[in-house]
Amino acid sequence: MMWNIRACAMTLSVVAMVTLAAAPASARPISEGTIKRECKAANGSYTTSVVEGTRFSACSYRDIDGDLYTDYYVDGDYYSTKP
């Protein structure tokens, strides 16, 4: 029984270490030029606006199945994707 507890604890420790090691570093904001270029490359529609000093950008595009998605960015940081 004690061996099973130790094996389980070791497995969980390894999983936790791998998960932490695989976590991405803090991402830098993407430039508006990059967002616009990547949107164009995806045949998408790019929009942007500045409200009280904060830039909001979006790229609407269709996936290979024709489903519409929109990626949202705030000051160059990816925020979310909505179907």
PDB file of N, CA and C in Angstrom:
ATOM      1  N   MET A   1       0.831  -1.200   0.000  1.00  0.00           N
ATOM      2  CA  MET A   1       0.000   0.000   0.000  1.00  0.00           C
ATOM      3  C   MET A   1       0.870   1.257   0.000  1.00  0.00           C
ATOM      4  N   MET A   2       1.907   1.270   0.832  1.00  0.00           N
ATOM      5  CA  MET A   2       2.795   2.436   0.900  1.00  0.00           C
ATOM      6  C   MET A   2       3.491   2.659  -0.431  1.00  0.00           C
ATOM      7  N   TRP A   3       3.841   1.561  -1.124  1.00  0.00           N
ATOM      8  CA  TRP A   3       4.499   1.670  -2.435  1.00  0.00           C
ATOM      9  C   TRP A   3       3.568   2.357  -3.425  1.00  0.00           C
ATOM     10  N   ASN A   4       2.271   2.025  -3.395  1.00  0.00           N
ATOM     11  CA  ASN A   4       1.305   2.633  -4.312  1.00  0.00           C
ATOM     12  C   ASN A   4       1.181   4.137  -4.064  1.00  0.00           C
ATOM     13  N   ILE A   5       1.203   4.545  -2.809  1.00  0.00           N
ATOM     14  CA  ILE A   5       1.109   5.959  -2.477  1.00  0.00           C
ATOM     15  C   ILE A   5       2.345   6.690  -2.982  1.00  0.00           C
ATOM     16  N   ARG A   6       3.522   6.103  -2.776  1.00  0.00           N
ATOM     17  CA  ARG A   6       4.757   6.728  -3.255  1.00  0.00           C
ATOM     18  C   ARG A   6       4.797   6.806  -4.777  1.00  0.00           C
ATOM     19  N   ALA A   7       4.368   5.739  -5.436  1.00  0.00           N
ATOM     20  CA  ALA A   7       4.357   5.725  -6.905  1.00  0.00           C
ATOM     21  C   ALA A   7       3.400   6.798  -7.432  1.00  0.00           C
ATOM     22  N   CYS A   8       2.266   6.913  -6.787  1.00  0.00           N
ATOM     23  CA  CYS A   8       1.285   7.929  -7.197  1.00  0.00           C
ATOM     24  C   CYS A   8       1.844   9.335  -6.976  1.00  0.00           C
ATOM     25  N   ALA A   9       2.460   9.542  -5.838  1.00  0.00           N
ATOM     26  CA  ALA A   9       3.039  10.853  -5.528  1.00  0.00           C
ATOM     27  C   ALA A   9       4.149  11.198  -6.504  1.00  0.00           C
ATOM     28  N   MET A  10       4.990  10.234  -6.850  1.00  0.00           N
ATOM     29  CA  MET A  10       6.069  10.482  -7.809  1.00  0.00           C
ATOM     30  C   MET A  10       5.499  10.802  -9.187  1.00  0.00           C
ATOM     31  N   THR A  11       4.467  10.069  -9.595  1.00  0.00           N
ATOM     32  CA  THR A  11       3.841  10.310 -10.894  1.00  0.00           C
ATOM     33  C   THR A  11       3.255  11.712 -10.947  1.00  0.00           C
ATOM     34  N   LEU A  12       2.552  12.110  -9.893  1.00  0.00           N
ATOM     35  CA  LEU A  12       1.970  13.445  -9.858  1.00  0.00           C
ATOM     36  C   LEU A  12       3.048  14.522  -9.860  1.00  0.00           C
ATOM     37  N   SER A  13       4.166  14.268  -9.184  1.00  0.00           N
ATOM     38  CA  SER A  13       5.267  15.229  -9.172  1.00  0.00           C
ATOM     39  C   SER A  13       5.857  15.400 -10.563  1.00  0.00           C
ATOM     40  N   VAL A  14       6.052  14.295 -11.259  1.00  0.00           N
ATOM     41  CA  VAL A  14       6.601  14.358 -12.615  1.00  0.00           C
ATOM     42  C   VAL A  14       5.645  15.093 -13.535  1.00  0.00           C
ATOM     43  N   VAL A  15       4.349  14.781 -13.443  1.00  0.00           N
ATOM     44  CA  VAL A  15       3.353  15.461 -14.277  1.00  0.00           C
ATOM     45  C   VAL A  15       3.368  16.959 -13.986  1.00  0.00           C
ATOM     46  N   ALA A  16       3.452  17.341 -12.725  1.00  0.00           N
ATOM     47  CA  ALA A  16       3.483  18.764 -12.362  1.00  0.00           C
ATOM     48  C   ALA A  16       4.731  19.438 -12.916  1.00  0.00           C
ATOM     49  N   MET A  17       5.875  18.782 -12.847  1.00  0.00           N
ATOM     50  CA  MET A  17       7.108  19.375 -13.365  1.00  0.00           C
ATOM     51  C   MET A  17       7.052  19.532 -14.880  1.00  0.00           C
ATOM     52  N   VAL A  18       6.526  18.549 -15.566  1.00  0.00           N
ATOM     53  CA  VAL A  18       6.416  18.631 -17.024  1.00  0.00           C
ATOM     54  C   VAL A  18       5.445  19.738 -17.401  1.00  0.00           C
ATOM     55  N   THR A  19       4.345  19.839 -16.680  1.00  0.00           N
ATOM     56  CA  THR A  19       3.363  20.883 -16.964  1.00  0.00           C
ATOM     57  C   THR A  19       3.968  22.260 -16.758  1.00  0.00           C
ATOM     58  N   LEU A  20       4.685  22.462 -15.675  1.00  0.00           N
ATOM     59  CA  LEU A  20       5.318  23.751 -15.418  1.00  0.00           C
ATOM     60  C   LEU A  20       6.403  24.053 -16.431  1.00  0.00           C
ATOM     61  N   ALA A  21       7.164  23.036 -16.816  1.00  0.00           N
ATOM     62  CA  ALA A  21       8.241  23.247 -17.782  1.00  0.00           C
ATOM     63  C   ALA A  21       7.673  23.606 -19.154  1.00  0.00           C
ATOM     64  N   ALA A  22       6.483  23.096 -19.474  1.00  0.00           N
ATOM     65  CA  ALA A  22       5.888  23.344 -20.779  1.00  0.00           C
ATOM     66  C   ALA A  22       5.089  24.641 -20.825  1.00  0.00           C
ATOM     67  N   ALA A  23       4.896  25.280 -19.689  1.00  0.00           N
ATOM     68  CA  ALA A  23       4.126  26.523 -19.660  1.00  0.00           C
ATOM     69  C   ALA A  23       4.857  27.596 -20.454  1.00  0.00           C
ATOM     70  N   PRO A  24       4.130  28.335 -21.289  1.00  0.00           N
ATOM     71  CA  PRO A  24       4.793  29.351 -22.100  1.00  0.00           C
ATOM     72  C   PRO A  24       5.266  30.528 -21.252  1.00  0.00           C
ATOM     73  N   ALA A  25       6.322  31.150 -21.710  1.00  0.00           N
ATOM     74  CA  ALA A  25       6.798  32.364 -21.052  1.00  0.00           C
ATOM     75  C   ALA A  25       5.825  33.489 -21.364  1.00  0.00           C
ATOM     76  N   SER A  26       5.937  34.564 -20.655  1.00  0.00           N
ATOM     77  CA  SER A  26       5.066  35.703 -20.924  1.00  0.00           C
ATOM     78  C   SER A  26       5.242  36.148 -22.366  1.00  0.00           C
ATOM     79  N   ALA A  27       4.152  36.196 -23.065  1.00  0.00           N
ATOM     80  CA  ALA A  27       4.194  36.580 -24.474  1.00  0.00           C
ATOM     81  C   ALA A  27       4.230  38.097 -24.596  1.00  0.00           C
ATOM     82  N   ARG A  28       4.946  38.549 -25.587  1.00  0.00           N
ATOM     83  CA  ARG A  28       4.980  39.981 -25.875  1.00  0.00           C
ATOM     84  C   ARG A  28       3.784  40.314 -26.747  1.00  0.00           C
ATOM     85  N   PRO A  29       3.313  41.541 -26.694  1.00  0.00           N
ATOM     86  CA  PRO A  29       2.212  41.929 -27.574  1.00  0.00           C
ATOM     87  C   PRO A  29       2.619  41.792 -29.042  1.00  0.00           C
ATOM     88  N   ILE A  30       1.657  41.497 -29.874  1.00  0.00           N
ATOM     89  CA  ILE A  30       1.867  41.396 -31.313  1.00  0.00           C
ATOM     90  C   ILE A  30       1.652  42.781 -31.906  1.00  0.00           C
ATOM     91  N   SER A  31       2.484  43.161 -32.863  1.00  0.00           N
ATOM     92  CA  SER A  31       2.307  44.474 -33.482  1.00  0.00           C
ATOM     93  C   SER A  31       1.029  44.473 -34.331  1.00  0.00           C
ATOM     94  N   GLU A  32       0.455  45.641 -34.488  1.00  0.00           N
ATOM     95  CA  GLU A  32      -0.748  45.755 -35.318  1.00  0.00           C
ATOM     96  C   GLU A  32      -0.455  45.338 -36.757  1.00  0.00           C
ATOM     97  N   GLY A  33       0.754  45.635 -37.226  1.00  0.00           N
ATOM     98  CA  GLY A  33       1.137  45.220 -38.571  1.00  0.00           C
ATOM     99  C   GLY A  33       1.100  43.709 -38.725  1.00  0.00           C
ATOM    100  N   THR A  34       1.576  42.991 -37.701  1.00  0.00           N
ATOM    101  CA  THR A  34       1.571  41.525 -37.737  1.00  0.00           C
ATOM    102  C   THR A  34       0.144  40.995 -37.696  1.00  0.00           C
ATOM    103  N   ILE A  35      -0.685  41.557 -36.813  1.00  0.00           N
ATOM    104  CA  ILE A  35      -2.085  41.119 -36.737  1.00  0.00           C
ATOM    105  C   ILE A  35      -2.758  41.324 -38.089  1.00  0.00           C
ATOM    106  N   LYS A  36      -2.538  42.482 -38.689  1.00  0.00           N
ATOM    107  CA  LYS A  36      -3.158  42.806 -39.978  1.00  0.00           C
ATOM    108  C   LYS A  36      -2.645  41.876 -41.080  1.00  0.00           C
ATOM    109  N   ARG A  37      -1.333  41.630 -41.140  1.00  0.00           N
ATOM    110  CA  ARG A  37      -0.754  40.741 -42.160  1.00  0.00           C
ATOM    111  C   ARG A  37      -1.269  39.318 -42.028  1.00  0.00           C
ATOM    112  N   GLU A  38      -1.296  38.815 -40.792  1.00  0.00           N
ATOM    113  CA  GLU A  38      -1.760  37.439 -40.581  1.00  0.00           C
ATOM    114  C   GLU A  38      -3.243  37.308 -40.896  1.00  0.00           C
ATOM    115  N   CYS A  39      -4.002  38.351 -40.608  1.00  0.00           N
ATOM    116  CA  CYS A  39      -5.428  38.341 -40.939  1.00  0.00           C
ATOM    117  C   CYS A  39      -5.611  38.300 -42.455  1.00  0.00           C
ATOM    118  N   LYS A  40      -4.834  39.118 -43.156  1.00  0.00           N
ATOM    119  CA  LYS A  40      -4.910  39.149 -44.620  1.00  0.00           C
ATOM    120  C   LYS A  40      -4.520  37.793 -45.201  1.00  0.00           C
ATOM    121  N   ALA A  41      -3.478  37.163 -44.635  1.00  0.00           N
ATOM    122  CA  ALA A  41      -3.024  35.857 -45.103  1.00  0.00           C
ATOM    123  C   ALA A  41      -4.105  34.788 -44.928  1.00  0.00           C
ATOM    124  N   ALA A  42      -4.980  34.993 -43.942  1.00  0.00           N
ATOM    125  CA  ALA A  42      -6.076  34.054 -43.695  1.00  0.00           C
ATOM    126  C   ALA A  42      -7.336  34.458 -44.454  1.00  0.00           C
ATOM    127  N   ASN A  43      -7.200  35.427 -45.373  1.00  0.00           N
ATOM    128  CA  ASN A  43      -8.348  35.970 -46.117  1.00  0.00           C
ATOM    129  C   ASN A  43      -9.409  36.510 -45.175  1.00  0.00           C
ATOM    130  N   GLY A  44      -8.949  37.090 -44.080  1.00  0.00           N
ATOM    131  CA  GLY A  44      -9.858  37.613 -43.075  1.00  0.00           C
ATOM    132  C   GLY A  44     -10.111  39.098 -43.222  1.00  0.00           C
ATOM    133  N   SER A  45     -10.978  39.587 -42.352  1.00  0.00           N
ATOM    134  CA  SER A  45     -11.342  40.998 -42.313  1.00  0.00           C
ATOM    135  C   SER A  45     -10.819  41.588 -41.006  1.00  0.00           C
ATOM    136  N   TYR A  46      -9.909  42.560 -41.118  1.00  0.00           N
ATOM    137  CA  TYR A  46      -9.239  43.164 -39.966  1.00  0.00           C
ATOM    138  C   TYR A  46      -9.902  44.486 -39.600  1.00  0.00           C
ATOM    139  N   THR A  47     -10.140  44.692 -38.321  1.00  0.00           N
ATOM    140  CA  THR A  47     -10.652  45.978 -37.838  1.00  0.00           C
ATOM    141  C   THR A  47      -9.883  46.362 -36.580  1.00  0.00           C
ATOM    142  N   THR A  48      -9.807  47.673 -36.336  1.00  0.00           N
ATOM    143  CA  THR A  48      -9.144  48.150 -35.127  1.00  0.00           C
ATOM    144  C   THR A  48      -9.732  49.495 -34.736  1.00  0.00           C
ATOM    145  N   SER A  49      -9.691  49.792 -33.454  1.00  0.00           N
ATOM    146  CA  SER A  49     -10.119  51.095 -32.955  1.00  0.00           C
ATOM    147  C   SER A  49      -9.404  51.361 -31.638  1.00  0.00           C
ATOM    148  N   VAL A  50      -9.316  52.629 -31.288  1.00  0.00           N
ATOM    149  CA  VAL A  50      -8.697  53.031 -30.030  1.00  0.00           C
ATOM    150  C   VAL A  50      -9.765  53.717 -29.188  1.00  0.00           C
ATOM    151  N   VAL A  51      -9.933  53.211 -27.970  1.00  0.00           N
ATOM    152  CA  VAL A  51     -10.909  53.776 -27.044  1.00  0.00           C
ATOM    153  C   VAL A  51     -10.167  54.132 -25.761  1.00  0.00           C
ATOM    154  N   GLU A  52     -10.158  55.422 -25.427  1.00  0.00           N
ATOM    155  CA  GLU A  52      -9.497  55.905 -24.214  1.00  0.00           C
ATOM    156  C   GLU A  52      -8.066  55.378 -24.090  1.00  0.00           C
ATOM    157  N   GLY A  53      -7.337  55.388 -25.208  1.00  0.00           N
ATOM    158  CA  GLY A  53      -5.939  54.992 -25.197  1.00  0.00           C
ATOM    159  C   GLY A  53      -5.673  53.502 -25.304  1.00  0.00           C
ATOM    160  N   THR A  54      -6.698  52.692 -25.382  1.00  0.00           N
ATOM    161  CA  THR A  54      -6.537  51.244 -25.504  1.00  0.00           C
ATOM    162  C   THR A  54      -6.939  50.829 -26.912  1.00  0.00           C
ATOM    163  N   ARG A  55      -6.054  50.072 -27.586  1.00  0.00           N
ATOM    164  CA  ARG A  55      -6.349  49.610 -28.941  1.00  0.00           C
ATOM    165  C   ARG A  55      -7.027  48.244 -28.902  1.00  0.00           C
ATOM    166  N   PHE A  56      -8.163  48.156 -29.580  1.00  0.00           N
ATOM    167  CA  PHE A  56      -8.906  46.913 -29.737  1.00  0.00           C
ATOM    168  C   PHE A  56      -8.835  46.516 -31.207  1.00  0.00           C
ATOM    169  N   SER A  57      -8.420  45.286 -31.469  1.00  0.00           N
ATOM    170  CA  SER A  57      -8.308  44.804 -32.837  1.00  0.00           C
ATOM    171  C   SER A  57      -9.038  43.476 -32.955  1.00  0.00           C
ATOM    172  N   ALA A  58      -9.491  43.180 -34.167  1.00  0.00           N
ATOM    173  CA  ALA A  58     -10.176  41.920 -34.415  1.00  0.00           C
ATOM    174  C   ALA A  58      -9.884  41.446 -35.825  1.00  0.00           C
ATOM    175  N   CYS A  59      -9.879  40.151 -35.995  1.00  0.00           N
ATOM    176  CA  CYS A  59      -9.727  39.532 -37.306  1.00  0.00           C
ATOM    177  C   CYS A  59     -10.805  38.473 -37.437  1.00  0.00           C
ATOM    178  N   SER A  60     -11.705  38.663 -38.405  1.00  0.00           N
ATOM    179  CA  SER A  60     -12.759  37.685 -38.678  1.00  0.00           C
ATOM    180  C   SER A  60     -12.358  36.885 -39.902  1.00  0.00           C
ATOM    181  N   TYR A  61     -12.443  35.575 -39.804  1.00  0.00           N
ATOM    182  CA  TYR A  61     -12.017  34.693 -40.890  1.00  0.00           C
ATOM    183  C   TYR A  61     -12.838  33.414 -40.863  1.00  0.00           C
ATOM    184  N   ARG A  62     -12.787  32.689 -41.962  1.00  0.00           N
ATOM    185  CA  ARG A  62     -13.488  31.401 -42.053  1.00  0.00           C
ATOM    186  C   ARG A  62     -12.462  30.272 -42.036  1.00  0.00           C
ATOM    187  N   ASP A  63     -12.790  29.210 -41.293  1.00  0.00           N
ATOM    188  CA  ASP A  63     -11.891  28.059 -41.263  1.00  0.00           C
ATOM    189  C   ASP A  63     -12.123  27.199 -42.502  1.00  0.00           C
ATOM    190  N   ILE A  64     -11.449  26.079 -42.592  1.00  0.00           N
ATOM    191  CA  ILE A  64     -11.510  25.228 -43.774  1.00  0.00           C
ATOM    192  C   ILE A  64     -12.920  24.690 -44.028  1.00  0.00           C
ATOM    193  N   ASP A  65     -13.747  24.612 -42.976  1.00  0.00           N
ATOM    194  CA  ASP A  65     -15.128  24.138 -43.122  1.00  0.00           C
ATOM    195  C   ASP A  65     -16.092  25.278 -43.424  1.00  0.00           C
ATOM    196  N   GLY A  66     -15.580  26.509 -43.477  1.00  0.00           N
ATOM    197  CA  GLY A  66     -16.432  27.656 -43.771  1.00  0.00           C
ATOM    198  C   GLY A  66     -17.048  28.301 -42.542  1.00  0.00           C
ATOM    199  N   ASP A  67     -16.674  27.830 -41.355  1.00  0.00           N
ATOM    200  CA  ASP A  67     -17.212  28.409 -40.120  1.00  0.00           C
ATOM    201  C   ASP A  67     -16.495  29.727 -39.818  1.00  0.00           C
ATOM    202  N   LEU A  68     -17.259  30.733 -39.395  1.00  0.00           N
ATOM    203  CA  LEU A  68     -16.718  32.060 -39.119  1.00  0.00           C
ATOM    204  C   LEU A  68     -16.196  32.161 -37.691  1.00  0.00           C
ATOM    205  N   TYR A  69     -14.992  32.685 -37.544  1.00  0.00           N
ATOM    206  CA  TYR A  69     -14.374  32.920 -36.241  1.00  0.00           C
ATOM    207  C   TYR A  69     -13.834  34.343 -36.206  1.00  0.00           C
ATOM    208  N   THR A  70     -13.726  34.903 -35.020  1.00  0.00           N
ATOM    209  CA  THR A  70     -13.117  36.217 -34.838  1.00  0.00           C
ATOM    210  C   THR A  70     -12.126  36.136 -33.691  1.00  0.00           C
ATOM    211  N   ASP A  71     -10.879  36.537 -33.984  1.00  0.00           N
ATOM    212  CA  ASP A  71      -9.840  36.632 -32.951  1.00  0.00           C
ATOM    213  C   ASP A  71      -9.822  38.068 -32.454  1.00  0.00           C
ATOM    214  N   TYR A  72      -9.767  38.234 -31.139  1.00  0.00           N
ATOM    215  CA  TYR A  72      -9.766  39.562 -30.530  1.00  0.00           C
ATOM    216  C   TYR A  72      -8.430  39.832 -29.839  1.00  0.00           C
ATOM    217  N   TYR A  73      -7.953  41.076 -29.954  1.00  0.00           N
ATOM    218  CA  TYR A  73      -6.707  41.513 -29.350  1.00  0.00           C
ATOM    219  C   TYR A  73      -6.940  42.831 -28.616  1.00  0.00           C
ATOM    220  N   VAL A  74      -6.248  43.010 -27.490  1.00  0.00           N
ATOM    221  CA  VAL A  74      -6.276  44.266 -26.744  1.00  0.00           C
ATOM    222  C   VAL A  74      -4.834  44.724 -26.594  1.00  0.00           C
ATOM    223  N   ASP A  75      -4.525  45.881 -27.169  1.00  0.00           N
ATOM    224  CA  ASP A  75      -3.155  46.402 -27.181  1.00  0.00           C
ATOM    225  C   ASP A  75      -2.151  45.358 -27.660  1.00  0.00           C
ATOM    226  N   GLY A  76      -2.526  44.572 -28.660  1.00  0.00           N
ATOM    227  CA  GLY A  76      -1.632  43.582 -29.243  1.00  0.00           C
ATOM    228  C   GLY A  76      -1.581  42.256 -28.522  1.00  0.00           C
ATOM    229  N   ASP A  77      -2.232  42.156 -27.377  1.00  0.00           N
ATOM    230  CA  ASP A  77      -2.288  40.884 -26.650  1.00  0.00           C
ATOM    231  C   ASP A  77      -3.528  40.116 -27.089  1.00  0.00           C
ATOM    232  N   TYR A  78      -3.323  38.842 -27.468  1.00  0.00           N
ATOM    233  CA  TYR A  78      -4.464  37.995 -27.830  1.00  0.00           C
ATOM    234  C   TYR A  78      -5.405  37.909 -26.651  1.00  0.00           C
ATOM    235  N   TYR A  79      -6.705  38.054 -26.910  1.00  0.00           N
ATOM    236  CA  TYR A  79      -7.707  38.032 -25.842  1.00  0.00           C
ATOM    237  C   TYR A  79      -8.572  36.779 -25.925  1.00  0.00           C
ATOM    238  N   SER A  80      -9.189  36.543 -27.113  1.00  0.00           N
ATOM    239  CA  SER A  80     -10.050  35.372 -27.249  1.00  0.00           C
ATOM    240  C   SER A  80     -10.424  35.159 -28.707  1.00  0.00           C
ATOM    241  N   THR A  81     -11.040  34.014 -28.961  1.00  0.00           N
ATOM    242  CA  THR A  81     -11.609  33.700 -30.273  1.00  0.00           C
ATOM    243  C   THR A  81     -13.055  33.308 -30.037  1.00  0.00           C
ATOM    244  N   LYS A  82     -13.925  33.896 -30.831  1.00  0.00           N
ATOM    245  CA  LYS A  82     -15.359  33.589 -30.712  1.00  0.00           C
ATOM    246  C   LYS A  82     -15.870  33.033 -32.027  1.00  0.00           C
ATOM    247  N   PRO A  83     -16.657  31.981 -31.933  1.00  0.00           N
ATOM    248  CA  PRO A  83     -17.276  31.466 -33.163  1.00  0.00           C
ATOM    249  C   PRO A  83     -18.429  32.346 -33.603  1.00  0.00           C
TER     250      PRO A  83
END
